[in-house]
Each structure stands twice: as C-alpha cells, then as structure tokens.
Amino acid sequence: MNPAERRSITFTLGSVMLVMLLAALDQTIVGTAMPRIVADLQGFERYAWVTTSYMVASTTIVPIVGKLSDMFGRRMFYLAGLMIFLAGSALCGAASDMTTLILFRLVQGVGAGIVMAIAFIVIGDLFPPAERGRIQGLFAAVFGMAALIGPPLGGYLADHTSWRYCFYVNLPLGAIALLVVWRFFPDLGRSERRGPIDGWGAATLIGTIVPLLLALSLLGDRHPDRSPWIGPLLILGILSCIAFINAERRASEPLIPGSLFRTRSIAFSIVASFLLSVGMFGVILFVPLYVQVVLGGSASDSGSVLLPMMLGMIVASGGSGLLITRTGRYRAFALGGLATMAVGLIALSRLGADARLESVGAVLGLVGLGLGGVMPVFTIVVQNAAEPRLLGASTAAAQFFRQIGGTFGAAILGAYVTARSNDDVTQRMESLRPTLLSTLPADDPLTAPIADPGVLLDRVAQGTIGLPDPVIAALRSSVGEALSVAFLAGAIAVIAALVATILIPEVPLRRVRHPIVAAETAGGAAG
C-alpha cells in the first residue's frame, strides 16, 4: 500500500468513526432521558413510539441507500445523511409535544440510517475480510465510548438542565464531523455498470415496514380513536410485502438481491443478527424505565447502571475483533457471546422491584460482555461471503435485518409493556381510589370517577410528587412485572439467535481486497 493510499484510508476511517461517535452518542443520551421526556410532554402510552419512529426511518432507508451507493458512490449520500441527521436533532430539541417529537425523530432517523449504513459498507471497501475483525472492534469501541459518555451525560442534562439539550448537543459535534467528512471522505463504490433504479422496490419496502411497525406500536395504545387502525395497517403491510418480494424478483438491480439468501453463511447470519437485536434493544430501551420508574432512581442513576454494560462491551468487542483478525475464525466468539448475553438477560428478568442498583449494574456488565463478543461477527461473515459488486447491497441487507429486528423488538415489547401496565393499573384503580381521594385535591384528574391509568403512569415518571406511598408501590409493581416479561422475551430471542449461529459454517476469511475497490480508493480523498 503506497503512502497516498494509506493516508486516504486513515482519514476516511477517522471521519467515519467521528460520525459514528456522533450517532451513537445521540442514541445513548436520548435513551437515558426518555422517562423525563415523556413525563414532560405527557405521553407514557407512547413511550416506545419516540424510539420506534426513529428506528422505522433508520431501518427503512438502509437497503435503499446501500444499493444506491453501489451505483452512484458513497460520498454524496454520506454528506446528505449527516445534514439530515443534524436538522432532525435541532427539530427534536424544539418539539412542543409528543406528536411533533415523534415526527422529528423520523427525520433524525433517516439521516442516522444513511450514515450508519455507509459506515459499515466503507469497511468492506477499504479492508479485506481478514482485517475487518480489528476494524469492527474499533467501531464497537466507538459505540462503547459513546455508551460510556452518553448515559451519564443524558442523565445530567435531564436532571440539571433540560432534556432538550440531549438533542442540541449533537449540533456542535455534528458541525465538526461535517467539515471532516467534506474534506476527507473519498467517492468510493461508484459503479460503471448501472441498471435502472429499483423505485418500485423502494416504494413497496416503505409500504411494508411503516404500516407493520405502526400497527405493532398501536397494539399497546388503548386510545379508542387509534385501535381501529391496527387491522388496516397490518393488511396494508402484508400486501406491500408481497408486492415487494415480487418487485425484487423482477428488478435488474434489486435493493435486496435474492441471491444473498441462497448463501448459507449470509442467510443464517441475517437470521441470527435479527434475533440478537430483539434482545439487545430490550435492554437499551427499557433499562432506564426500569431504574427510574420501578426502582425509583434518577436519570443519572439509569445512566450509571449502564456503564458496566458498556465497559463489558468495549473489552469484549475489542478482544474478539483482534482475535478474529489473528485467527480467521469467528463462530466460537459468536456462540460464547450469545450464551453469555442470554444468561445476563434471564438474570435481569429475575431482579424485581426491590433490586439494588449495584445488582443491576453487575447483571448488565454480563450482558455487555456477551454483546461485545458477538458484535463484530455477523457483518464480517456477510461481507466475506458476498460478491464484490454486491458489497453495498449485502452489507446494507445485513444491517437492515439487524435494525428491523431491533425495531420490531422495540415495537412489540413496547406495546406489551404499555398494554400490560395500563391493564394492571386499571385493575388496581378501584382499590386505590379511596387513598387517592383522601390525599389529593378534589380537582386532581386522578380523583375523577373514571381516571385514565396513563395519567397515573405519567405522574410516576415525573417523580411521584404528591402521590401516597401505597399508590406508588402499586404502580411500580405493575410496570416492573411487565418489564420482567420483556427482559425474559429478549433472552428467548437471544437463545434463538444462538441456535441460528450454530448453523453458520466456518468459512476462512479472505485476506485480499477486491482490486477494483483498491484502485478506486487509491485516488485519494475528495477535496
């Protein structure tokens, strides 16, 4: 490798890692502040929607931008994605209610999906499969560093300033990242052989993902004006899925080539990463709610208990990435990581409403070790097995199904937690009513003959101010029981991922890049 090519690769990798740090910081900061956000904007029943809307957008865009970047190059999409992400961050910080916040998170998710998709594709552009374990380990370390910084920062901002700064903090960091990308990111991946853009495939993909995820999210919404939409949305999503499969069979340049699934390594890697994401997002989404509502901790507490998980993830991902690069073998790391993560999630589901924060942190440390061990594996397997001309599409497909697993997991588990909590609180309301009448002002909404259980849950998320102890205990028990089932469901999903991983063959990792990619990269950084 000549000095010019090495310099180009170094600066490109640095710019990608900077943008990944920004996107990862956003997820960890916002996640910790979520209970405070929904309390301020009055919307416990839509707790998961703020995350689900972001993930719907970021998931749907991945295969679209992956294929387009194979055809037209990576750089312009990367810059556009970063600018969209920053615009969405500014809008989220200015949101006045839950509806506008959910809509602005969609915008932010589109930008995040674009930059994250291309980040993983660029690894395949620049490095042969045998070296990608080390690079994936670096990327995982970036996520881990963001996770170390993000939860305490998000908790501090939510407790001591305003949750709005959890979004505004992206803007100065994003301005720096934008300048670095503009200066150094080369135009990788441009294909000289281009077919027509798969517009019908993109339209039917959006028509599949958005209605299905909205329907799943609405399962936990007890509002009478919204529940009738569930059936039509499910039907629309299923019909669009059929149309999408048909469109991909006929397209000359499909977004998700069917040939990928005829390769055993790719097919089972996609299945395993899908299931892993269900379990992973069960932790990321619900641990702050568990700490703040069930255990009565602060936003800062929920950030602190996540630190052992992130430390475990950094150590395990860096170590497994280096060992994969050195040995060329990957199955053992995936199997060991998944088994460890499953044990941790089962232990988390058993902690209950009287657990100590130290116990929660220890269990999450075990989850982090397992997650870190498996994180570098599945993208490496897919890129090693895919044809070079389909590098972007195959990487994006793997990332798409990983994200769709997390999105479906967040939607389904979020709907369950919301519905179970509301149902349980509704059953307890009659016995709680005398206590509420004797301690609250007569004009308080909670003293109404038919009180909305969501109002009680929102009041708990705000810090239980003015509520009597028996009411607080009952509400925390309701939410805690629902979350225990959600954590256990995540463990079951991870065990299923373990079974799928057993079926992935151990194929030697290639140690050379594709010559066309190397020639394109040698052209130097743009600008």
Protein backbone atom coordinates (compact mmCIF):
# COMPACT_ATOMS: atom_id res chain seq x y z
CA MET A 1 0.00 0.00 0.00
CA ASN A 2 1.54 3.34 -1.08
CA PRO A 3 1.65 6.40 1.27
CA ALA A 4 -1.11 8.27 -0.58
CA GLU A 5 -3.47 5.30 -0.34
CA ARG A 6 -2.63 4.77 3.34
CA ARG A 7 -3.28 8.47 4.07
CA SER A 8 -6.63 8.33 2.24
CA ILE A 9 -7.71 5.24 4.17
CA THR A 10 -6.61 6.71 7.51
CA PHE A 11 -8.53 9.96 7.07
CA THR A 12 -11.58 8.19 5.67
CA LEU A 13 -11.68 5.78 8.61
CA GLY A 14 -11.22 8.67 11.03
CA SER A 15 -14.11 10.65 9.52
CA VAL A 16 -16.39 7.61 9.60
CA MET A 17 -15.57 6.89 13.24
CA LEU A 18 -16.26 10.53 14.17
CA VAL A 19 -19.72 10.41 12.60
CA MET A 20 -20.44 7.04 14.21
CA LEU A 21 -19.50 8.52 17.58
CA LEU A 22 -22.00 11.32 16.99
CA ALA A 23 -24.84 8.97 16.01
CA ALA A 24 -24.09 6.55 18.85
CA LEU A 25 -23.95 9.40 21.39
CA ASP A 26 -27.40 10.51 20.29
CA GLN A 27 -28.90 7.08 20.95
CA THR A 28 -27.37 6.67 24.41
CA ILE A 29 -28.04 10.23 25.57
CA VAL A 30 -31.68 10.23 24.46
CA GLY A 31 -32.35 6.74 25.81
CA THR A 32 -31.39 7.75 29.35
CA ALA A 33 -33.55 10.88 29.22
CA MET A 34 -36.63 9.18 27.75
CA PRO A 35 -38.64 8.80 31.01
CA ARG A 36 -38.11 12.52 31.71
CA ILE A 37 -39.07 13.44 28.13
CA VAL A 38 -42.37 11.55 28.15
CA ALA A 39 -43.17 12.89 31.61
CA ASP A 40 -42.62 16.47 30.45
CA LEU A 41 -44.62 16.03 27.24
CA GLN A 42 -47.32 13.87 28.90
CA GLY A 43 -47.24 10.65 26.89
CA PHE A 44 -46.35 7.44 28.74
CA GLU A 45 -48.55 5.40 26.40
CA ARG A 46 -46.30 6.50 23.53
CA TYR A 47 -43.02 5.88 25.38
CA ALA A 48 -41.79 3.39 22.77
CA TRP A 49 -43.01 5.50 19.83
CA VAL A 50 -40.20 8.02 20.20
CA THR A 51 -37.69 5.22 19.70
CA THR A 52 -39.81 3.26 17.22
CA SER A 53 -40.30 6.23 14.85
CA TYR A 54 -36.52 6.81 14.78
CA MET A 55 -35.88 3.13 14.11
CA VAL A 56 -38.60 2.85 11.44
CA ALA A 57 -36.93 5.62 9.44
CA SER A 58 -33.34 4.49 10.02
CA THR A 59 -34.22 0.88 9.19
CA THR A 60 -36.23 1.52 6.02
CA ILE A 61 -33.59 3.76 4.45
CA VAL A 62 -30.69 1.28 4.89
CA PRO A 63 -31.21 -1.09 1.91
CA ILE A 64 -32.24 1.82 -0.32
CA VAL A 65 -29.12 3.87 0.32
CA GLY A 66 -26.93 0.75 0.32
CA LYS A 67 -27.96 -0.12 -3.23
CA LEU A 68 -27.85 3.48 -4.48
CA SER A 69 -24.34 3.93 -3.06
CA ASP A 70 -23.24 0.85 -5.03
CA MET A 71 -24.48 2.59 -8.17
CA PHE A 72 -23.60 6.27 -7.59
CA GLY A 73 -20.90 6.28 -4.90
CA ARG A 74 -20.89 6.70 -1.15
CA ARG A 75 -19.80 10.32 -0.58
CA MET A 76 -22.85 12.37 -1.56
CA PHE A 77 -25.19 10.08 0.40
CA TYR A 78 -22.95 10.27 3.45
CA LEU A 79 -22.92 14.07 3.43
CA ALA A 80 -26.68 14.27 2.83
CA GLY A 81 -27.36 11.81 5.65
CA LEU A 82 -25.25 13.78 8.12
CA MET A 83 -27.01 17.05 7.26
CA ILE A 84 -30.46 15.43 7.61
CA PHE A 85 -29.45 14.00 10.99
CA LEU A 86 -28.37 17.41 12.28
CA ALA A 87 -31.55 19.08 11.03
CA GLY A 88 -33.62 16.40 12.77
CA SER A 89 -31.67 16.92 16.01
CA ALA A 90 -32.43 20.65 16.00
CA LEU A 91 -36.12 19.99 15.35
CA CYS A 92 -36.35 17.35 18.12
CA GLY A 93 -34.88 19.77 20.62
CA ALA A 94 -37.60 22.29 19.75
CA ALA A 95 -40.52 19.79 19.89
CA SER A 96 -43.56 21.09 21.77
CA ASP A 97 -45.46 17.82 22.25
CA MET A 98 -45.14 14.07 21.77
CA THR A 99 -46.60 14.12 18.26
CA THR A 100 -44.06 16.61 16.90
CA LEU A 101 -41.21 14.86 18.73
CA ILE A 102 -42.16 11.55 17.12
CA LEU A 103 -42.32 13.17 13.66
CA PHE A 104 -38.96 14.92 14.11
CA ARG A 105 -37.40 11.67 15.28
CA LEU A 106 -38.43 10.24 11.91
CA VAL A 107 -36.35 12.93 10.20
CA GLN A 108 -33.42 12.30 12.51
CA GLY A 109 -33.72 8.56 11.88
CA VAL A 110 -33.46 8.97 8.10
CA GLY A 111 -30.14 10.77 8.49
CA ALA A 112 -28.82 8.28 11.05
CA GLY A 113 -29.80 5.33 8.86
CA ILE A 114 -27.89 6.73 5.89
CA VAL A 115 -24.64 7.45 7.73
CA MET A 116 -24.66 4.18 9.67
CA ALA A 117 -25.36 2.09 6.57
CA ILE A 118 -22.49 3.62 4.62
CA ALA A 119 -20.13 3.42 7.59
CA PHE A 120 -20.30 -0.38 7.62
CA ILE A 121 -20.12 -0.58 3.82
CA VAL A 122 -16.94 1.51 3.81
CA ILE A 123 -15.22 -1.11 5.99
CA GLY A 124 -15.75 -3.54 3.12
CA ASP A 125 -14.45 -1.00 0.60
CA LEU A 126 -11.22 -0.36 2.44
CA PHE A 127 -10.26 -3.62 4.17
CA PRO A 128 -10.19 -7.34 3.27
CA PRO A 129 -12.38 -9.66 5.39
CA ALA A 130 -9.46 -10.99 7.44
CA GLU A 131 -8.67 -7.46 8.68
CA ARG A 132 -12.26 -6.40 9.33
CA GLY A 133 -12.40 -8.01 12.77
CA ARG A 134 -9.87 -5.46 14.02
CA ILE A 135 -11.78 -2.57 12.39
CA GLN A 136 -15.13 -3.84 13.65
CA GLY A 137 -13.55 -3.94 17.09
CA LEU A 138 -12.57 -0.27 16.70
CA PHE A 139 -16.11 0.59 15.63
CA ALA A 140 -17.51 -1.31 18.59
CA ALA A 141 -15.11 0.63 20.84
CA VAL A 142 -16.56 3.86 19.41
CA PHE A 143 -20.05 2.65 20.33
CA GLY A 144 -18.76 1.69 23.74
CA MET A 145 -17.12 5.07 24.30
CA ALA A 146 -20.36 6.78 23.28
CA ALA A 147 -22.21 4.49 25.66
CA LEU A 148 -19.83 5.39 28.49
CA ILE A 149 -20.21 9.11 27.88
CA GLY A 150 -23.84 9.19 26.75
CA PRO A 151 -25.87 7.77 29.67
CA PRO A 152 -24.23 9.92 32.39
CA LEU A 153 -24.39 12.97 30.12
CA GLY A 154 -28.03 12.30 29.24
CA GLY A 155 -28.89 11.81 32.89
CA TYR A 156 -27.09 15.00 33.90
CA LEU A 157 -28.77 17.08 31.19
CA ALA A 158 -32.21 15.67 32.07
CA ASP A 159 -31.75 16.19 35.82
CA HIS A 160 -29.96 19.55 35.87
CA THR A 161 -30.78 21.45 32.64
CA SER A 162 -33.38 20.29 30.13
CA TRP A 163 -33.89 17.13 28.10
CA ARG A 164 -33.84 19.38 25.01
CA TYR A 165 -30.07 19.70 25.30
CA CYS A 166 -29.87 15.93 24.74
CA PHE A 167 -30.65 16.77 21.10
CA TYR A 168 -28.92 20.15 20.86
CA VAL A 169 -25.59 18.64 21.95
CA ASN A 170 -25.42 16.98 18.51
CA LEU A 171 -25.13 20.30 16.69
CA PRO A 172 -21.58 21.47 17.59
CA LEU A 173 -20.21 17.92 17.33
CA GLY A 174 -22.03 17.46 14.03
CA ALA A 175 -20.59 20.66 12.57
CA ILE A 176 -17.07 19.34 13.21
CA ALA A 177 -17.96 15.95 11.73
CA LEU A 178 -19.45 17.58 8.64
CA LEU A 179 -16.27 19.55 7.97
CA VAL A 180 -14.09 16.44 8.36
CA VAL A 181 -16.28 14.33 6.05
CA TRP A 182 -16.46 17.10 3.43
CA ARG A 183 -12.68 17.39 3.38
CA PHE A 184 -11.52 13.79 3.54
CA PHE A 185 -14.25 11.32 2.52
CA PRO A 186 -13.45 9.81 -0.96
CA ASP A 187 -16.05 8.83 -3.55
CA LEU A 188 -15.96 5.07 -3.05
CA GLY A 189 -18.21 2.44 -4.59
CA ARG A 190 -19.27 4.17 -7.82
CA SER A 191 -20.20 1.51 -10.40
CA GLU A 192 -19.64 1.86 -14.13
CA ARG A 193 -22.33 -0.77 -14.83
CA ARG A 194 -25.65 0.67 -13.68
CA GLY A 195 -29.12 -0.68 -14.20
CA PRO A 196 -32.34 1.21 -13.57
CA ILE A 197 -33.08 2.33 -10.02
CA ASP A 198 -35.46 -0.06 -8.23
CA GLY A 199 -38.08 2.61 -7.48
CA TRP A 200 -40.97 0.16 -7.15
CA GLY A 201 -38.92 -1.94 -4.74
CA ALA A 202 -38.18 1.13 -2.60
CA ALA A 203 -41.85 2.17 -2.56
CA THR A 204 -43.14 -1.28 -1.60
CA LEU A 205 -40.40 -1.67 1.04
CA ILE A 206 -41.54 1.55 2.70
CA GLY A 207 -45.14 0.39 2.31
CA THR A 208 -44.25 -2.82 4.15
CA ILE A 209 -42.15 -1.56 7.05
CA VAL A 210 -44.02 1.60 8.06
CA PRO A 211 -47.58 0.15 8.33
CA LEU A 212 -46.42 -3.03 10.08
CA LEU A 213 -44.42 -1.16 12.70
CA LEU A 214 -47.17 1.39 13.26
CA ALA A 215 -49.67 -1.43 13.75
CA LEU A 216 -47.39 -3.18 16.24
CA SER A 217 -46.87 0.07 18.16
CA LEU A 218 -50.62 0.68 18.31
CA LEU A 219 -51.17 -2.68 19.99
CA GLY A 220 -50.22 -1.05 23.29
CA ASP A 221 -52.31 2.08 22.72
CA ARG A 222 -55.69 1.94 24.44
CA HIS A 223 -56.98 5.17 22.84
CA PRO A 224 -60.35 4.34 21.19
CA ASP A 225 -59.63 6.53 18.13
CA ARG A 226 -56.40 4.68 17.30
CA SER A 227 -57.01 0.97 17.85
CA PRO A 228 -59.30 0.61 14.75
CA TRP A 229 -56.27 1.41 12.58
CA ILE A 230 -54.39 -1.77 13.59
CA GLY A 231 -56.19 -4.18 11.23
CA PRO A 232 -55.97 -2.00 8.08
CA LEU A 233 -52.31 -1.23 8.75
CA LEU A 234 -51.46 -4.93 9.12
CA ILE A 235 -53.30 -5.76 5.87
CA LEU A 236 -51.53 -2.92 4.03
CA GLY A 237 -48.16 -4.06 5.32
CA ILE A 238 -48.72 -7.70 4.31
CA LEU A 239 -49.93 -6.75 0.81
CA SER A 240 -46.97 -4.40 0.36
CA CYS A 241 -44.61 -7.18 1.47
CA ILE A 242 -45.99 -9.48 -1.22
CA ALA A 243 -45.59 -6.69 -3.79
CA PHE A 244 -42.02 -6.05 -2.60
CA ILE A 245 -40.99 -9.71 -2.98
CA ASN A 246 -42.48 -9.76 -6.48
CA ALA A 247 -40.74 -6.50 -7.40
CA GLU A 248 -37.35 -7.77 -6.21
CA ARG A 249 -37.69 -10.93 -8.31
CA ARG A 250 -38.19 -8.84 -11.46
CA ALA A 251 -35.77 -5.97 -10.81
CA SER A 252 -32.47 -5.92 -12.69
CA GLU A 253 -30.83 -4.13 -9.72
CA PRO A 254 -32.88 -5.19 -6.67
CA LEU A 255 -32.44 -3.42 -3.33
CA ILE A 256 -32.11 -6.77 -1.54
CA PRO A 257 -30.85 -9.38 -4.05
CA GLY A 258 -32.49 -12.76 -3.54
CA SER A 259 -29.18 -14.46 -4.35
CA LEU A 260 -27.87 -13.37 -0.94
CA PHE A 261 -30.23 -15.77 0.81
CA ARG A 262 -29.05 -18.74 -1.23
CA THR A 263 -25.70 -18.48 0.58
CA ARG A 264 -25.93 -20.31 3.89
CA SER A 265 -23.46 -18.06 5.72
CA ILE A 266 -25.38 -14.92 4.76
CA ALA A 267 -28.85 -16.35 5.38
CA PHE A 268 -28.17 -17.61 8.91
CA SER A 269 -26.08 -14.54 9.82
CA ILE A 270 -29.04 -12.35 8.92
CA VAL A 271 -31.42 -14.51 10.98
CA ALA A 272 -29.08 -14.52 13.98
CA SER A 273 -28.45 -10.77 13.89
CA PHE A 274 -32.21 -10.12 13.59
CA LEU A 275 -32.91 -12.14 16.73
CA LEU A 276 -29.93 -10.69 18.61
CA SER A 277 -31.27 -7.19 18.03
CA VAL A 278 -34.62 -8.07 19.60
CA GLY A 279 -32.83 -8.94 22.84
CA MET A 280 -30.35 -6.07 22.65
CA PHE A 281 -32.99 -3.37 22.26
CA GLY A 282 -34.97 -4.87 25.10
CA VAL A 283 -32.13 -3.77 27.35
CA ILE A 284 -31.36 -0.42 25.73
CA LEU A 285 -34.97 0.74 25.59
CA PHE A 286 -36.30 -0.48 28.95
CA VAL A 287 -33.44 -0.35 31.48
CA PRO A 288 -33.85 3.44 32.02
CA LEU A 289 -37.58 2.90 32.57
CA TYR A 290 -36.86 0.05 35.00
CA VAL A 291 -34.37 2.11 37.02
CA GLN A 292 -36.37 5.35 37.13
CA VAL A 293 -39.94 4.07 37.50
CA VAL A 294 -39.64 0.65 39.14
CA LEU A 295 -36.60 1.26 41.37
CA GLY A 296 -37.31 4.97 41.89
CA GLY A 297 -33.85 6.09 40.73
CA SER A 298 -32.92 9.27 38.90
CA ALA A 299 -31.99 9.72 35.24
CA SER A 300 -28.37 9.89 36.39
CA ASP A 301 -28.80 6.54 38.16
CA SER A 302 -30.06 4.90 34.97
CA GLY A 303 -27.01 6.22 33.15
CA SER A 304 -24.68 4.92 35.83
CA VAL A 305 -26.03 1.36 35.86
CA LEU A 306 -25.49 1.15 32.09
CA LEU A 307 -21.76 1.88 32.47
CA PRO A 308 -20.76 -1.74 33.38
CA MET A 309 -22.60 -2.96 30.29
CA MET A 310 -20.72 -0.55 28.06
CA LEU A 311 -17.36 -1.33 29.66
CA GLY A 312 -18.01 -5.04 29.14
CA MET A 313 -18.95 -4.39 25.53
CA ILE A 314 -15.77 -2.37 24.85
CA VAL A 315 -13.48 -5.01 26.36
CA ALA A 316 -15.18 -7.98 24.68
CA SER A 317 -15.65 -6.39 21.24
CA GLY A 318 -12.08 -5.15 21.06
CA GLY A 319 -10.71 -8.51 22.20
CA SER A 320 -12.90 -10.61 19.93
CA GLY A 321 -12.20 -8.34 16.95
CA LEU A 322 -8.43 -8.72 17.37
CA LEU A 323 -8.69 -12.48 17.87
CA ILE A 324 -10.90 -12.88 14.79
CA THR A 325 -8.32 -10.96 12.75
CA ARG A 326 -5.48 -13.05 14.17
CA THR A 327 -7.10 -16.49 13.88
CA GLY A 328 -9.53 -16.02 10.98
CA ARG A 329 -12.21 -17.86 12.98
CA TYR A 330 -15.45 -16.39 14.28
CA ARG A 331 -18.10 -18.97 15.30
CA ALA A 332 -16.74 -19.54 18.81
CA PHE A 333 -16.90 -15.81 19.61
CA ALA A 334 -20.48 -15.56 18.38
CA LEU A 335 -21.64 -18.64 20.30
CA GLY A 336 -19.90 -17.64 23.53
CA GLY A 337 -21.17 -14.07 23.31
CA LEU A 338 -24.78 -15.06 22.70
CA ALA A 339 -24.76 -17.61 25.54
CA THR A 340 -23.34 -15.04 27.98
CA MET A 341 -25.86 -12.41 26.90
CA ALA A 342 -28.79 -14.81 27.33
CA VAL A 343 -27.71 -15.64 30.89
CA GLY A 344 -27.47 -11.93 31.68
CA LEU A 345 -30.94 -11.16 30.32
CA ILE A 346 -32.51 -14.04 32.26
CA ALA A 347 -30.86 -12.71 35.43
CA LEU A 348 -32.16 -9.20 34.64
CA SER A 349 -35.72 -10.52 34.32
CA ARG A 350 -35.46 -12.00 37.84
CA LEU A 351 -34.28 -8.89 39.72
CA GLY A 352 -37.72 -7.46 40.50
CA ALA A 353 -38.82 -4.18 42.10
CA ASP A 354 -36.57 -4.35 45.20
CA ALA A 355 -33.22 -4.82 43.44
CA ARG A 356 -30.17 -2.74 44.34
CA LEU A 357 -28.57 -0.58 41.63
CA GLU A 358 -25.28 -2.45 42.17
CA SER A 359 -27.01 -5.74 41.28
CA VAL A 360 -28.50 -4.24 38.14
CA GLY A 361 -25.09 -2.92 37.10
CA ALA A 362 -23.43 -6.32 37.64
CA VAL A 363 -26.03 -8.13 35.54
CA LEU A 364 -25.76 -5.52 32.78
CA GLY A 365 -21.97 -5.98 32.81
CA LEU A 366 -22.53 -9.65 31.95
CA VAL A 367 -24.91 -8.65 29.13
CA GLY A 368 -22.28 -6.23 27.80
CA LEU A 369 -19.56 -8.90 27.74
CA GLY A 370 -21.81 -11.17 25.71
CA LEU A 371 -22.94 -8.46 23.33
CA GLY A 372 -19.39 -7.24 22.73
CA GLY A 373 -18.17 -10.74 21.93
CA VAL A 374 -20.72 -11.22 19.16
CA MET A 375 -20.88 -7.67 17.74
CA PRO A 376 -18.04 -7.91 15.18
CA VAL A 377 -19.08 -11.28 13.76
CA PHE A 378 -22.13 -11.14 11.52
CA THR A 379 -21.13 -8.22 9.27
CA ILE A 380 -17.73 -9.86 8.70
CA VAL A 381 -19.39 -13.16 7.72
CA VAL A 382 -21.75 -11.48 5.24
CA GLN A 383 -19.04 -9.37 3.60
CA ASN A 384 -16.72 -12.37 3.35
CA ALA A 385 -19.36 -14.43 1.53
CA ALA A 386 -20.87 -11.75 -0.76
CA GLU A 387 -19.86 -10.96 -4.35
CA PRO A 388 -17.70 -7.80 -4.58
CA ARG A 389 -20.20 -5.96 -6.83
CA LEU A 390 -22.89 -6.54 -4.20
CA LEU A 391 -20.80 -5.37 -1.25
CA GLY A 392 -23.00 -2.36 -0.51
CA ALA A 393 -26.28 -4.21 -1.03
CA SER A 394 -25.22 -7.23 1.04
CA THR A 395 -23.84 -5.13 3.93
CA ALA A 396 -26.96 -2.95 3.87
CA ALA A 397 -29.21 -6.03 3.81
CA ALA A 398 -27.46 -7.44 6.87
CA GLN A 399 -27.72 -4.10 8.66
CA PHE A 400 -31.35 -3.72 7.57
CA PHE A 401 -32.41 -7.03 9.08
CA ARG A 402 -30.39 -6.32 12.23
CA GLN A 403 -32.15 -2.98 12.62
CA ILE A 404 -35.55 -4.40 11.71
CA GLY A 405 -35.07 -6.94 14.50
CA GLY A 406 -34.44 -4.14 16.95
CA THR A 407 -37.33 -2.11 15.55
CA PHE A 408 -39.81 -4.97 15.72
CA GLY A 409 -38.50 -5.87 19.16
CA ALA A 410 -38.92 -2.31 20.42
CA ALA A 411 -42.40 -2.04 18.89
CA ILE A 412 -43.69 -5.40 20.13
CA LEU A 413 -42.11 -5.26 23.58
CA GLY A 414 -43.02 -1.59 23.94
CA ALA A 415 -46.64 -2.35 23.04
CA TYR A 416 -46.67 -5.21 25.55
CA VAL A 417 -45.18 -3.15 28.39
CA THR A 418 -47.61 -0.29 27.78
CA ALA A 419 -50.67 -2.53 27.46
CA ARG A 420 -49.75 -4.73 30.44
CA SER A 421 -49.03 -1.71 32.65
CA ASN A 422 -52.27 0.03 31.68
CA ASP A 423 -54.34 -3.11 32.21
CA ASP A 424 -52.78 -3.81 35.58
CA VAL A 425 -53.20 -0.23 36.77
CA THR A 426 -56.83 -0.24 35.58
CA GLN A 427 -57.50 -3.31 37.73
CA ARG A 428 -55.86 -1.65 40.74
CA MET A 429 -57.62 1.70 40.33
CA GLU A 430 -60.75 0.74 42.28
CA SER A 431 -58.80 -0.32 45.36
CA LEU A 432 -56.50 2.72 45.03
CA ARG A 433 -59.37 5.22 44.68
CA PRO A 434 -60.05 5.76 48.45
CA THR A 435 -56.38 6.52 49.03
CA LEU A 436 -56.30 8.96 46.11
CA LEU A 437 -59.47 10.72 47.30
CA SER A 438 -58.10 11.17 50.82
CA THR A 439 -54.71 12.58 49.81
CA LEU A 440 -55.17 14.53 46.55
CA PRO A 441 -57.07 17.79 45.86
CA ALA A 442 -60.64 17.37 44.64
CA ASP A 443 -59.81 18.84 41.22
CA ASP A 444 -56.91 16.46 40.58
CA PRO A 445 -57.58 14.31 37.45
CA LEU A 446 -56.73 11.19 39.45
CA THR A 447 -59.80 11.68 41.69
CA ALA A 448 -62.23 11.55 38.75
CA PRO A 449 -64.81 8.71 38.83
CA ILE A 450 -63.16 7.16 35.77
CA ALA A 451 -59.48 8.09 35.89
CA ASP A 452 -57.10 7.45 33.00
CA PRO A 453 -54.41 4.94 34.10
CA GLY A 454 -51.99 6.68 31.77
CA VAL A 455 -52.22 9.80 33.97
CA LEU A 456 -51.02 7.76 36.94
CA LEU A 457 -48.13 6.32 34.96
CA ASP A 458 -47.14 9.76 33.71
CA ARG A 459 -47.19 11.04 37.31
CA VAL A 460 -44.84 8.25 38.40
CA ALA A 461 -42.46 9.07 35.53
CA GLN A 462 -42.39 12.70 36.75
CA GLY A 463 -41.11 11.58 40.13
CA THR A 464 -44.24 10.53 42.07
CA ILE A 465 -44.68 14.04 43.54
CA GLY A 466 -47.81 14.19 45.69
CA LEU A 467 -48.72 10.52 45.38
CA PRO A 468 -49.22 8.38 48.51
CA ASP A 469 -46.82 5.50 49.12
CA PRO A 470 -49.36 2.67 48.53
CA VAL A 471 -50.18 4.10 45.09
CA ILE A 472 -46.52 4.47 44.18
CA ALA A 473 -45.80 0.87 45.24
CA ALA A 474 -48.73 -0.48 43.22
CA LEU A 475 -47.73 1.41 40.09
CA ARG A 476 -44.09 0.40 40.32
CA SER A 477 -45.14 -3.21 40.75
CA SER A 478 -47.32 -3.01 37.63
CA VAL A 479 -44.54 -1.63 35.45
CA GLY A 480 -41.94 -3.95 36.99
CA GLU A 481 -43.92 -7.11 36.23
CA ALA A 482 -44.36 -6.02 32.62
CA LEU A 483 -40.65 -5.27 32.23
CA SER A 484 -39.63 -8.64 33.70
CA VAL A 485 -41.56 -10.39 30.94
CA ALA A 486 -39.99 -8.07 28.33
CA PHE A 487 -36.45 -8.89 29.54
CA LEU A 488 -37.25 -12.61 29.51
CA ALA A 489 -38.60 -12.33 25.94
CA GLY A 490 -35.31 -10.70 24.97
CA ALA A 491 -33.43 -13.65 26.47
CA ILE A 492 -35.53 -16.11 24.46
CA ALA A 493 -34.76 -14.18 21.26
CA VAL A 494 -31.02 -14.33 22.01
CA ILE A 495 -31.23 -18.10 22.61
CA ALA A 496 -32.93 -18.45 19.21
CA ALA A 497 -30.05 -16.42 17.70
CA LEU A 498 -27.65 -18.90 19.30
CA VAL A 499 -29.40 -21.76 17.51
CA ALA A 500 -29.18 -19.93 14.17
CA THR A 501 -25.47 -19.24 14.73
CA ILE A 502 -24.77 -22.96 15.19
CA LEU A 503 -25.89 -23.39 11.57
CA ILE A 504 -23.39 -20.82 10.18
CA PRO A 505 -20.41 -22.62 8.56
CA GLU A 506 -16.86 -21.58 9.46
CA VAL A 507 -15.55 -20.20 6.13
CA PRO A 508 -11.91 -18.96 6.03
CA LEU A 509 -11.73 -15.16 5.87
CA ARG A 510 -10.23 -13.69 2.70
CA ARG A 511 -7.06 -11.61 3.14
CA VAL A 512 -7.21 -9.50 -0.05
CA ARG A 513 -9.43 -6.67 -1.16
CA HIS A 514 -11.20 -6.64 -4.46
CA PRO A 515 -8.84 -4.95 -6.96
CA ILE A 516 -11.46 -2.50 -8.28
CA VAL A 517 -12.10 -1.21 -4.75
CA ALA A 518 -8.38 -0.81 -4.14
CA ALA A 519 -7.95 1.17 -7.37
CA GLU A 520 -10.86 3.47 -6.52
CA THR A 521 -9.53 4.09 -3.02
CA ALA A 522 -6.06 4.94 -4.27
CA GLY A 523 -7.50 8.00 -5.96
CA GLY A 524 -7.23 9.90 -2.67
CA ALA A 525 -9.60 11.88 -0.56
CA ALA A 526 -12.10 14.18 -2.10
CA GLY A 527 -11.43 17.88 -1.80
